[in-house]
All heavy atoms as atom14 arrays in JSON, in Angstrom:
{
  "sequence": "TCKDHKQATKKIDLWNLPQILIVQLKRFQYVHHIAHRINSSVAYP",
  "atom14_mask": [
    [1, 1, 1, 1, 1, 1, 1, 0, 0, 0, 0, 0, 0, 0],
    [1, 1, 1, 1, 1, 1, 0, 0, 0, 0, 0, 0, 0, 0],
    [1, 1, 1, 1, 1, 1, 1, 1, 1, 0, 0, 0, 0, 0],
    [1, 1, 1, 1, 1, 1, 1, 1, 0, 0, 0, 0, 0, 0],
    [1, 1, 1, 1, 1, 1, 1, 1, 1, 1, 0, 0, 0, 0],
    [1, 1, 1, 1, 1, 1, 1, 1, 1, 0, 0, 0, 0, 0],
    [1, 1, 1, 1, 1, 1, 1, 1, 1, 0, 0, 0, 0, 0],
    [1, 1, 1, 1, 1, 0, 0, 0, 0, 0, 0, 0, 0, 0],
    [1, 1, 1, 1, 1, 1, 1, 0, 0, 0, 0, 0, 0, 0],
    [1, 1, 1, 1, 1, 1, 1, 1, 1, 0, 0, 0, 0, 0],
    [1, 1, 1, 1, 1, 1, 1, 1, 1, 0, 0, 0, 0, 0],
    [1, 1, 1, 1, 1, 1, 1, 1, 0, 0, 0, 0, 0, 0],
    [1, 1, 1, 1, 1, 1, 1, 1, 0, 0, 0, 0, 0, 0],
    [1, 1, 1, 1, 1, 1, 1, 1, 0, 0, 0, 0, 0, 0],
    [1, 1, 1, 1, 1, 1, 1, 1, 1, 1, 1, 1, 1, 1],
    [1, 1, 1, 1, 1, 1, 1, 1, 0, 0, 0, 0, 0, 0],
    [1, 1, 1, 1, 1, 1, 1, 1, 0, 0, 0, 0, 0, 0],
    [1, 1, 1, 1, 1, 1, 1, 0, 0, 0, 0, 0, 0, 0],
    [1, 1, 1, 1, 1, 1, 1, 1, 1, 0, 0, 0, 0, 0],
    [1, 1, 1, 1, 1, 1, 1, 1, 0, 0, 0, 0, 0, 0],
    [1, 1, 1, 1, 1, 1, 1, 1, 0, 0, 0, 0, 0, 0],
    [1, 1, 1, 1, 1, 1, 1, 1, 0, 0, 0, 0, 0, 0],
    [1, 1, 1, 1, 1, 1, 1, 0, 0, 0, 0, 0, 0, 0],
    [1, 1, 1, 1, 1, 1, 1, 1, 1, 0, 0, 0, 0, 0],
    [1, 1, 1, 1, 1, 1, 1, 1, 0, 0, 0, 0, 0, 0],
    [1, 1, 1, 1, 1, 1, 1, 1, 1, 0, 0, 0, 0, 0],
    [1, 1, 1, 1, 1, 1, 1, 1, 1, 1, 1, 0, 0, 0],
    [1, 1, 1, 1, 1, 1, 1, 1, 1, 1, 1, 0, 0, 0],
    [1, 1, 1, 1, 1, 1, 1, 1, 1, 0, 0, 0, 0, 0],
    [1, 1, 1, 1, 1, 1, 1, 1, 1, 1, 1, 1, 0, 0],
    [1, 1, 1, 1, 1, 1, 1, 0, 0, 0, 0, 0, 0, 0],
    [1, 1, 1, 1, 1, 1, 1, 1, 1, 1, 0, 0, 0, 0],
    [1, 1, 1, 1, 1, 1, 1, 1, 1, 1, 0, 0, 0, 0],
    [1, 1, 1, 1, 1, 1, 1, 1, 0, 0, 0, 0, 0, 0],
    [1, 1, 1, 1, 1, 0, 0, 0, 0, 0, 0, 0, 0, 0],
    [1, 1, 1, 1, 1, 1, 1, 1, 1, 1, 0, 0, 0, 0],
    [1, 1, 1, 1, 1, 1, 1, 1, 1, 1, 1, 0, 0, 0],
    [1, 1, 1, 1, 1, 1, 1, 1, 0, 0, 0, 0, 0, 0],
    [1, 1, 1, 1, 1, 1, 1, 1, 0, 0, 0, 0, 0, 0],
    [1, 1, 1, 1, 1, 1, 0, 0, 0, 0, 0, 0, 0, 0],
    [1, 1, 1, 1, 1, 1, 0, 0, 0, 0, 0, 0, 0, 0],
    [1, 1, 1, 1, 1, 1, 1, 0, 0, 0, 0, 0, 0, 0],
    [1, 1, 1, 1, 1, 0, 0, 0, 0, 0, 0, 0, 0, 0],
    [1, 1, 1, 1, 1, 1, 1, 1, 1, 1, 1, 1, 0, 0],
    [1, 1, 1, 1, 1, 1, 1, 0, 0, 0, 0, 0, 0, 0]
  ],
  "atom14_positions": [
    [[0.82, -1.21, 0.0], [0.0, 0.0, 0.0], [0.86, 1.26, 0.0], [0.69, 2.14, -0.83], [-0.93, 0.01, 1.22], [-1.68, -1.19, 1.24], [-1.87, 1.21, 1.19], [0.0, 0.0, 0.0], [0.0, 0.0, 0.0], [0.0, 0.0, 0.0], [0.0, 0.0, 0.0], [0.0, 0.0, 0.0], [0.0, 0.0, 0.0], [0.0, 0.0, 0.0]],
    [[1.82, 1.34, 0.94], [2.65, 2.55, 1.03], [3.98, 2.4, 0.29], [4.77, 3.33, 0.27], [2.88, 2.94, 2.48], [3.79, 1.73, 3.43], [0.0, 0.0, 0.0], [0.0, 0.0, 0.0], [0.0, 0.0, 0.0], [0.0, 0.0, 0.0], [0.0, 0.0, 0.0], [0.0, 0.0, 0.0], [0.0, 0.0, 0.0], [0.0, 0.0, 0.0]],
    [[4.22, 1.22, -0.29], [5.42, 0.98, -1.1], [6.72, 1.23, -0.32], [7.66, 1.84, -0.79], [5.43, 1.86, -2.35], [4.17, 1.81, -3.16], [4.19, 0.63, -4.1], [3.08, 0.75, -5.12], [1.99, -0.12, -4.92], [0.0, 0.0, 0.0], [0.0, 0.0, 0.0], [0.0, 0.0, 0.0], [0.0, 0.0, 0.0], [0.0, 0.0, 0.0]],
    [[6.74, 0.77, 0.93], [7.91, 0.96, 1.78], [8.1, -0.28, 2.65], [7.16, -1.05, 2.86], [7.71, 2.2, 2.66], [8.99, 2.67, 3.3], [10.07, 2.22, 2.86], [8.91, 3.49, 4.24], [0.0, 0.0, 0.0], [0.0, 0.0, 0.0], [0.0, 0.0, 0.0], [0.0, 0.0, 0.0], [0.0, 0.0, 0.0], [0.0, 0.0, 0.0]],
    [[9.31, -0.48, 3.16], [9.58, -1.58, 4.07], [9.22, -1.14, 5.5], [9.62, -0.07, 5.93], [11.05, -1.99, 3.99], [11.35, -2.74, 2.75], [11.7, -2.12, 1.57], [11.36, -4.07, 2.49], [11.9, -3.03, 0.64], [11.7, -4.22, 1.17], [0.0, 0.0, 0.0], [0.0, 0.0, 0.0], [0.0, 0.0, 0.0], [0.0, 0.0, 0.0]],
    [[8.48, -1.98, 6.2], [8.02, -1.68, 7.56], [8.43, -2.81, 8.49], [8.54, -3.96, 8.07], [6.48, -1.56, 7.6], [5.92, -0.49, 6.71], [6.19, 0.86, 7.28], [5.52, 1.93, 6.43], [5.76, 3.24, 6.94], [0.0, 0.0, 0.0], [0.0, 0.0, 0.0], [0.0, 0.0, 0.0], [0.0, 0.0, 0.0], [0.0, 0.0, 0.0]],
    [[8.62, -2.47, 9.76], [8.87, -3.48, 10.78], [7.55, -4.19, 11.06], [6.52, -3.55, 11.24], [9.42, -2.83, 12.05], [10.02, -3.79, 13.03], [11.24, -4.5, 12.49], [11.93, -4.0, 11.61], [11.5, -5.67, 12.98], [0.0, 0.0, 0.0], [0.0, 0.0, 0.0], [0.0, 0.0, 0.0], [0.0, 0.0, 0.0], [0.0, 0.0, 0.0]],
    [[7.55, -5.52, 11.1], [6.3, -6.26, 11.26], [6.45, -7.3, 12.37], [7.55, -7.73, 12.7], [5.93, -6.95, 9.95], [0.0, 0.0, 0.0], [0.0, 0.0, 0.0], [0.0, 0.0, 0.0], [0.0, 0.0, 0.0], [0.0, 0.0, 0.0], [0.0, 0.0, 0.0], [0.0, 0.0, 0.0], [0.0, 0.0, 0.0], [0.0, 0.0, 0.0]],
    [[5.32, -7.69, 12.93], [5.27, -8.77, 13.91], [4.19, -9.75, 13.47], [3.27, -9.4, 12.73], [4.93, -8.25, 15.32], [3.68, -7.58, 15.27], [5.99, -7.3, 15.83], [0.0, 0.0, 0.0], [0.0, 0.0, 0.0], [0.0, 0.0, 0.0], [0.0, 0.0, 0.0], [0.0, 0.0, 0.0], [0.0, 0.0, 0.0], [0.0, 0.0, 0.0]],
    [[4.31, -11.0, 13.94], [3.29, -12.0, 13.67], [2.52, -12.27, 14.95], [3.07, -12.23, 16.03], [3.94, -13.31, 13.2], [4.54, -13.22, 11.83], [5.06, -14.57, 11.4], [5.66, -14.49, 10.02], [6.12, -15.8, 9.57], [0.0, 0.0, 0.0], [0.0, 0.0, 0.0], [0.0, 0.0, 0.0], [0.0, 0.0, 0.0], [0.0, 0.0, 0.0]],
    [[1.23, -12.54, 14.8], [0.39, -12.81, 15.94], [-0.43, -14.06, 15.65], [-0.9, -14.25, 14.54], [-0.55, -11.63, 16.19], [-1.49, -11.83, 17.36], [-2.42, -10.62, 17.48], [-3.36, -10.75, 18.63], [-4.48, -11.62, 18.35], [0.0, 0.0, 0.0], [0.0, 0.0, 0.0], [0.0, 0.0, 0.0], [0.0, 0.0, 0.0], [0.0, 0.0, 0.0]],
    [[-0.57, -14.89, 16.67], [-1.38, -16.09, 16.52], [-2.29, -16.19, 17.75], [-1.86, -15.93, 18.87], [-0.51, -17.35, 16.36], [-1.37, -18.57, 16.08], [0.38, -17.58, 17.54], [-0.58, -19.79, 15.67], [0.0, 0.0, 0.0], [0.0, 0.0, 0.0], [0.0, 0.0, 0.0], [0.0, 0.0, 0.0], [0.0, 0.0, 0.0], [0.0, 0.0, 0.0]],
    [[-3.56, -16.53, 17.53], [-4.51, -16.75, 18.62], [-4.74, -18.25, 18.76], [-5.01, -18.93, 17.76], [-5.84, -16.06, 18.34], [-5.76, -14.56, 18.45], [-4.94, -14.07, 19.24], [-6.52, -13.88, 17.74], [0.0, 0.0, 0.0], [0.0, 0.0, 0.0], [0.0, 0.0, 0.0], [0.0, 0.0, 0.0], [0.0, 0.0, 0.0], [0.0, 0.0, 0.0]],
    [[-4.64, -18.75, 19.98], [-4.86, -20.17, 20.24], [-6.23, -20.33, 20.88], [-6.46, -19.89, 22.0], [-3.77, -20.72, 21.16], [-2.34, -20.59, 20.64], [-1.34, -21.01, 21.7], [-2.17, -21.41, 19.38], [0.0, 0.0, 0.0], [0.0, 0.0, 0.0], [0.0, 0.0, 0.0], [0.0, 0.0, 0.0], [0.0, 0.0, 0.0], [0.0, 0.0, 0.0]],
    [[-7.16, -20.95, 20.16], [-8.51, -21.15, 20.67], [-8.62, -22.52, 21.32], [-9.02, -22.64, 22.45], [-9.52, -21.02, 19.53], [-9.65, -19.61, 19.06], [-8.81, -18.96, 18.18], [-10.61, -18.65, 19.47], [-9.21, -17.67, 18.01], [-10.31, -17.44, 18.79], [-11.68, -18.68, 20.32], [-11.08, -16.3, 18.96], [-12.44, -17.54, 20.48], [-12.13, -16.37, 19.81]],
    [[-8.33, -23.56, 20.57], [-8.38, -24.92, 21.09], [-6.99, -25.52, 20.96], [-6.38, -25.44, 19.9], [-9.36, -25.78, 20.3], [-10.79, -25.32, 20.47], [-11.2, -24.97, 21.57], [-11.53, -25.3, 19.39], [0.0, 0.0, 0.0], [0.0, 0.0, 0.0], [0.0, 0.0, 0.0], [0.0, 0.0, 0.0], [0.0, 0.0, 0.0], [0.0, 0.0, 0.0]],
    [[-6.5, -26.11, 22.03], [-5.16, -26.7, 22.01], [-5.26, -28.2, 21.75], [-6.13, -28.88, 22.3], [-4.46, -26.44, 23.34], [-4.2, -24.96, 23.64], [-3.63, -24.81, 25.03], [-3.25, -24.39, 22.62], [0.0, 0.0, 0.0], [0.0, 0.0, 0.0], [0.0, 0.0, 0.0], [0.0, 0.0, 0.0], [0.0, 0.0, 0.0], [0.0, 0.0, 0.0]],
    [[-4.37, -28.72, 20.93], [-4.4, -30.16, 20.64], [-3.81, -30.96, 21.8], [-3.12, -30.42, 22.67], [-3.51, -30.28, 19.4], [-2.54, -29.16, 19.54], [-3.32, -28.04, 20.18], [0.0, 0.0, 0.0], [0.0, 0.0, 0.0], [0.0, 0.0, 0.0], [0.0, 0.0, 0.0], [0.0, 0.0, 0.0], [0.0, 0.0, 0.0], [0.0, 0.0, 0.0]],
    [[-4.09, -32.25, 21.8], [-3.53, -33.12, 22.83], [-2.02, -33.23, 22.67], [-1.28, -33.25, 23.64], [-4.17, -34.5, 22.75], [-3.8, -35.41, 23.88], [-4.56, -36.71, 23.84], [-5.26, -37.01, 22.87], [-4.43, -37.51, 24.87], [0.0, 0.0, 0.0], [0.0, 0.0, 0.0], [0.0, 0.0, 0.0], [0.0, 0.0, 0.0], [0.0, 0.0, 0.0]],
    [[-1.55, -33.27, 21.43], [-0.12, -33.31, 21.13], [0.2, -32.08, 20.29], [-0.42, -31.84, 19.27], [0.24, -34.59, 20.36], [-0.05, -35.82, 21.22], [1.71, -34.57, 19.94], [0.11, -37.13, 20.49], [0.0, 0.0, 0.0], [0.0, 0.0, 0.0], [0.0, 0.0, 0.0], [0.0, 0.0, 0.0], [0.0, 0.0, 0.0], [0.0, 0.0, 0.0]],
    [[1.19, -31.31, 20.73], [1.58, -30.09, 20.04], [2.91, -30.32, 19.33], [3.87, -30.77, 19.93], [1.73, -28.94, 21.04], [2.15, -27.59, 20.47], [1.03, -27.01, 19.6], [2.5, -26.64, 21.6], [0.0, 0.0, 0.0], [0.0, 0.0, 0.0], [0.0, 0.0, 0.0], [0.0, 0.0, 0.0], [0.0, 0.0, 0.0], [0.0, 0.0, 0.0]],
    [[2.94, -30.04, 18.03], [4.16, -30.17, 17.23], [4.57, -28.78, 16.78], [3.77, -28.05, 16.2], [3.94, -31.08, 16.02], [3.56, -32.49, 16.48], [5.18, -31.11, 15.14], [3.14, -33.42, 15.36], [0.0, 0.0, 0.0], [0.0, 0.0, 0.0], [0.0, 0.0, 0.0], [0.0, 0.0, 0.0], [0.0, 0.0, 0.0], [0.0, 0.0, 0.0]],
    [[5.82, -28.41, 17.05], [6.34, -27.1, 16.68], [7.47, -27.33, 15.68], [8.4, -28.1, 15.95], [6.87, -26.33, 17.9], [7.48, -25.0, 17.49], [5.77, -26.13, 18.91], [0.0, 0.0, 0.0], [0.0, 0.0, 0.0], [0.0, 0.0, 0.0], [0.0, 0.0, 0.0], [0.0, 0.0, 0.0], [0.0, 0.0, 0.0], [0.0, 0.0, 0.0]],
    [[7.38, -26.68, 14.54], [8.42, -26.79, 13.51], [9.0, -25.41, 13.27], [8.28, -24.45, 13.03], [7.84, -27.34, 12.21], [8.88, -27.43, 11.12], [8.29, -27.94, 9.81], [7.11, -28.23, 9.72], [9.12, -28.05, 8.82], [0.0, 0.0, 0.0], [0.0, 0.0, 0.0], [0.0, 0.0, 0.0], [0.0, 0.0, 0.0], [0.0, 0.0, 0.0]],
    [[10.31, -25.31, 13.35], [10.99, -24.05, 13.13], [11.65, -24.07, 11.75], [12.43, -24.97, 11.45], [12.07, -23.81, 14.19], [11.59, -23.79, 15.63], [12.77, -23.64, 16.57], [10.58, -22.69, 15.86], [0.0, 0.0, 0.0], [0.0, 0.0, 0.0], [0.0, 0.0, 0.0], [0.0, 0.0, 0.0], [0.0, 0.0, 0.0], [0.0, 0.0, 0.0]],
    [[11.32, -23.12, 10.93], [11.97, -22.98, 9.63], [13.21, -22.13, 9.87], [13.11, -20.97, 10.22], [11.05, -22.28, 8.63], [9.77, -23.01, 8.39], [9.97, -24.1, 7.38], [8.62, -24.73, 7.07], [8.67, -25.62, 5.99], [0.0, 0.0, 0.0], [0.0, 0.0, 0.0], [0.0, 0.0, 0.0], [0.0, 0.0, 0.0], [0.0, 0.0, 0.0]],
    [[14.37, -22.71, 9.7], [15.62, -22.06, 10.06], [16.42, -21.67, 8.84], [17.56, -22.07, 8.66], [16.43, -22.96, 10.98], [15.6, -23.45, 12.14], [16.03, -23.14, 13.5], [17.44, -23.19, 13.71], [18.11, -22.19, 14.23], [17.49, -21.09, 14.56], [19.4, -22.28, 14.42], [0.0, 0.0, 0.0], [0.0, 0.0, 0.0], [0.0, 0.0, 0.0]],
    [[15.78, -20.88, 7.97], [16.45, -20.41, 6.75], [16.28, -18.91, 6.64], [15.27, -18.35, 7.05], [15.87, -21.09, 5.51], [15.97, -22.58, 5.55], [14.86, -23.35, 5.83], [17.18, -23.2, 5.31], [14.96, -24.73, 5.86], [17.29, -24.57, 5.36], [16.18, -25.34, 5.64], [0.0, 0.0, 0.0], [0.0, 0.0, 0.0], [0.0, 0.0, 0.0]],
    [[17.27, -18.27, 6.08], [17.23, -16.84, 5.83], [17.41, -16.65, 4.33], [18.3, -17.25, 3.73], [18.35, -16.14, 6.6], [18.42, -14.66, 6.36], [19.57, -14.04, 7.14], [20.52, -14.71, 7.54], [19.5, -12.75, 7.34], [0.0, 0.0, 0.0], [0.0, 0.0, 0.0], [0.0, 0.0, 0.0], [0.0, 0.0, 0.0], [0.0, 0.0, 0.0]],
    [[16.56, -15.84, 3.74], [16.63, -15.62, 2.3], [17.33, -14.29, 2.01], [16.91, -13.25, 2.49], [15.22, -15.64, 1.69], [14.61, -17.01, 1.75], [13.87, -17.43, 2.85], [14.82, -17.91, 0.72], [13.33, -18.71, 2.92], [14.28, -19.18, 0.77], [13.55, -19.57, 1.87], [13.03, -20.83, 1.92], [0.0, 0.0, 0.0], [0.0, 0.0, 0.0]],
    [[18.4, -14.37, 1.24], [19.16, -13.2, 0.83], [19.2, -13.2, -0.69], [19.75, -14.13, -1.3], [20.59, -13.21, 1.41], [21.37, -12.0, 0.95], [20.55, -13.29, 2.94], [0.0, 0.0, 0.0], [0.0, 0.0, 0.0], [0.0, 0.0, 0.0], [0.0, 0.0, 0.0], [0.0, 0.0, 0.0], [0.0, 0.0, 0.0], [0.0, 0.0, 0.0]],
    [[18.58, -12.2, -1.3], [18.51, -12.11, -2.76], [17.93, -13.39, -3.37], [18.46, -13.94, -4.32], [19.88, -11.8, -3.35], [20.49, -10.54, -2.84], [19.94, -9.3, -3.08], [21.58, -10.32, -2.06], [20.67, -8.38, -2.48], [21.68, -8.96, -1.85], [0.0, 0.0, 0.0], [0.0, 0.0, 0.0], [0.0, 0.0, 0.0], [0.0, 0.0, 0.0]],
    [[16.85, -13.88, -2.77], [16.11, -15.07, -3.24], [16.92, -16.36, -3.14], [16.6, -17.34, -3.81], [15.6, -14.87, -4.67], [14.76, -13.65, -4.83], [13.52, -13.53, -4.25], [14.98, -12.48, -5.46], [13.01, -12.35, -4.54], [13.89, -11.68, -5.28], [0.0, 0.0, 0.0], [0.0, 0.0, 0.0], [0.0, 0.0, 0.0], [0.0, 0.0, 0.0]],
    [[17.97, -16.37, -2.35], [18.76, -17.58, -2.12], [18.66, -17.92, -0.63], [18.9, -17.07, 0.22], [20.24, -17.38, -2.52], [20.33, -17.07, -4.01], [21.05, -18.61, -2.18], [21.71, -16.68, -4.48], [0.0, 0.0, 0.0], [0.0, 0.0, 0.0], [0.0, 0.0, 0.0], [0.0, 0.0, 0.0], [0.0, 0.0, 0.0], [0.0, 0.0, 0.0]],
    [[18.29, -19.18, -0.33], [18.12, -19.6, 1.06], [19.46, -19.96, 1.67], [20.27, -20.68, 1.07], [17.18, -20.79, 1.13], [0.0, 0.0, 0.0], [0.0, 0.0, 0.0], [0.0, 0.0, 0.0], [0.0, 0.0, 0.0], [0.0, 0.0, 0.0], [0.0, 0.0, 0.0], [0.0, 0.0, 0.0], [0.0, 0.0, 0.0], [0.0, 0.0, 0.0]],
    [[19.69, -19.45, 2.87], [20.87, -19.79, 3.66], [20.39, -20.34, 5.0], [19.45, -19.83, 5.59], [21.74, -18.55, 3.91], [22.31, -17.96, 2.66], [23.4, -18.49, 2.02], [21.91, -16.91, 1.92], [23.66, -17.77, 0.94], [22.76, -16.8, 0.85], [0.0, 0.0, 0.0], [0.0, 0.0, 0.0], [0.0, 0.0, 0.0], [0.0, 0.0, 0.0]],
    [[21.07, -21.34, 5.46], [20.72, -21.98, 6.72], [21.17, -21.12, 7.89], [22.27, -20.57, 7.89], [21.42, -23.32, 6.76], [20.92, -24.22, 7.8], [21.79, -25.46, 7.76], [21.76, -25.98, 9.07], [21.14, -27.09, 9.38], [20.62, -27.81, 8.45], [21.07, -27.48, 10.61], [0.0, 0.0, 0.0], [0.0, 0.0, 0.0], [0.0, 0.0, 0.0]],
    [[20.33, -21.0, 8.93], [20.69, -20.3, 10.16], [21.26, -21.33, 11.12], [20.59, -22.29, 11.49], [19.47, -19.59, 10.77], [18.91, -18.56, 9.79], [19.82, -18.94, 12.1], [17.59, -17.97, 10.22], [0.0, 0.0, 0.0], [0.0, 0.0, 0.0], [0.0, 0.0, 0.0], [0.0, 0.0, 0.0], [0.0, 0.0, 0.0], [0.0, 0.0, 0.0]],
    [[22.5, -21.16, 11.54], [23.18, -22.16, 12.36], [23.24, -21.82, 13.84], [23.89, -22.53, 14.6], [24.61, -22.37, 11.84], [24.61, -23.08, 10.5], [23.83, -24.01, 10.29], [25.45, -22.65, 9.59], [0.0, 0.0, 0.0], [0.0, 0.0, 0.0], [0.0, 0.0, 0.0], [0.0, 0.0, 0.0], [0.0, 0.0, 0.0], [0.0, 0.0, 0.0]],
    [[22.58, -20.77, 14.28], [22.62, -20.42, 15.7], [21.82, -21.46, 16.51], [20.9, -22.1, 16.01], [22.05, -19.03, 15.92], [20.72, -18.97, 15.47], [0.0, 0.0, 0.0], [0.0, 0.0, 0.0], [0.0, 0.0, 0.0], [0.0, 0.0, 0.0], [0.0, 0.0, 0.0], [0.0, 0.0, 0.0], [0.0, 0.0, 0.0], [0.0, 0.0, 0.0]],
    [[22.19, -21.61, 17.78], [21.53, -22.58, 18.65], [20.14, -22.1, 19.05], [19.89, -20.9, 19.15], [22.35, -22.8, 19.91], [23.59, -23.37, 19.59], [0.0, 0.0, 0.0], [0.0, 0.0, 0.0], [0.0, 0.0, 0.0], [0.0, 0.0, 0.0], [0.0, 0.0, 0.0], [0.0, 0.0, 0.0], [0.0, 0.0, 0.0], [0.0, 0.0, 0.0]],
    [[19.26, -23.06, 19.3], [17.91, -22.76, 19.75], [17.74, -23.36, 21.14], [17.95, -24.56, 21.33], [16.84, -23.34, 18.8], [15.45, -23.13, 19.35], [16.98, -22.74, 17.42], [0.0, 0.0, 0.0], [0.0, 0.0, 0.0], [0.0, 0.0, 0.0], [0.0, 0.0, 0.0], [0.0, 0.0, 0.0], [0.0, 0.0, 0.0], [0.0, 0.0, 0.0]],
    [[17.38, -22.54, 22.11], [17.11, -23.02, 23.46], [15.61, -23.28, 23.56], [14.8, -22.42, 23.2], [17.54, -21.99, 24.49], [0.0, 0.0, 0.0], [0.0, 0.0, 0.0], [0.0, 0.0, 0.0], [0.0, 0.0, 0.0], [0.0, 0.0, 0.0], [0.0, 0.0, 0.0], [0.0, 0.0, 0.0], [0.0, 0.0, 0.0], [0.0, 0.0, 0.0]],
    [[15.22, -24.44, 24.03], [13.81, -24.77, 24.15], [13.56, -25.38, 25.52], [14.4, -26.06, 26.09], [13.36, -25.73, 23.03], [14.33, -26.84, 22.74], [14.32, -28.01, 23.48], [15.27, -26.72, 21.73], [15.22, -29.03, 23.22], [16.17, -27.74, 21.46], [16.13, -28.88, 22.21], [17.02, -29.89, 21.97], [0.0, 0.0, 0.0], [0.0, 0.0, 0.0]],
    [[12.39, -25.12, 26.09], [12.09, -25.63, 27.44], [11.7, -27.1, 27.4], [11.21, -27.6, 26.38], [10.92, -24.77, 27.89], [10.22, -24.43, 26.61], [11.32, -24.29, 25.58], [0.0, 0.0, 0.0], [0.0, 0.0, 0.0], [0.0, 0.0, 0.0], [0.0, 0.0, 0.0], [0.0, 0.0, 0.0], [0.0, 0.0, 0.0], [0.0, 0.0, 0.0]]
  ]
}
């Protein structure tokens, strides 16, 4: 709409929770339409 780059956030609403929850992290960064793997560690509880 404004033809500019803006800082954005994602929001998700959880209405019903499943008995088993599966979380998948896409760990790629796209630079000039080429995917690069993100190798930093992920801490999870």
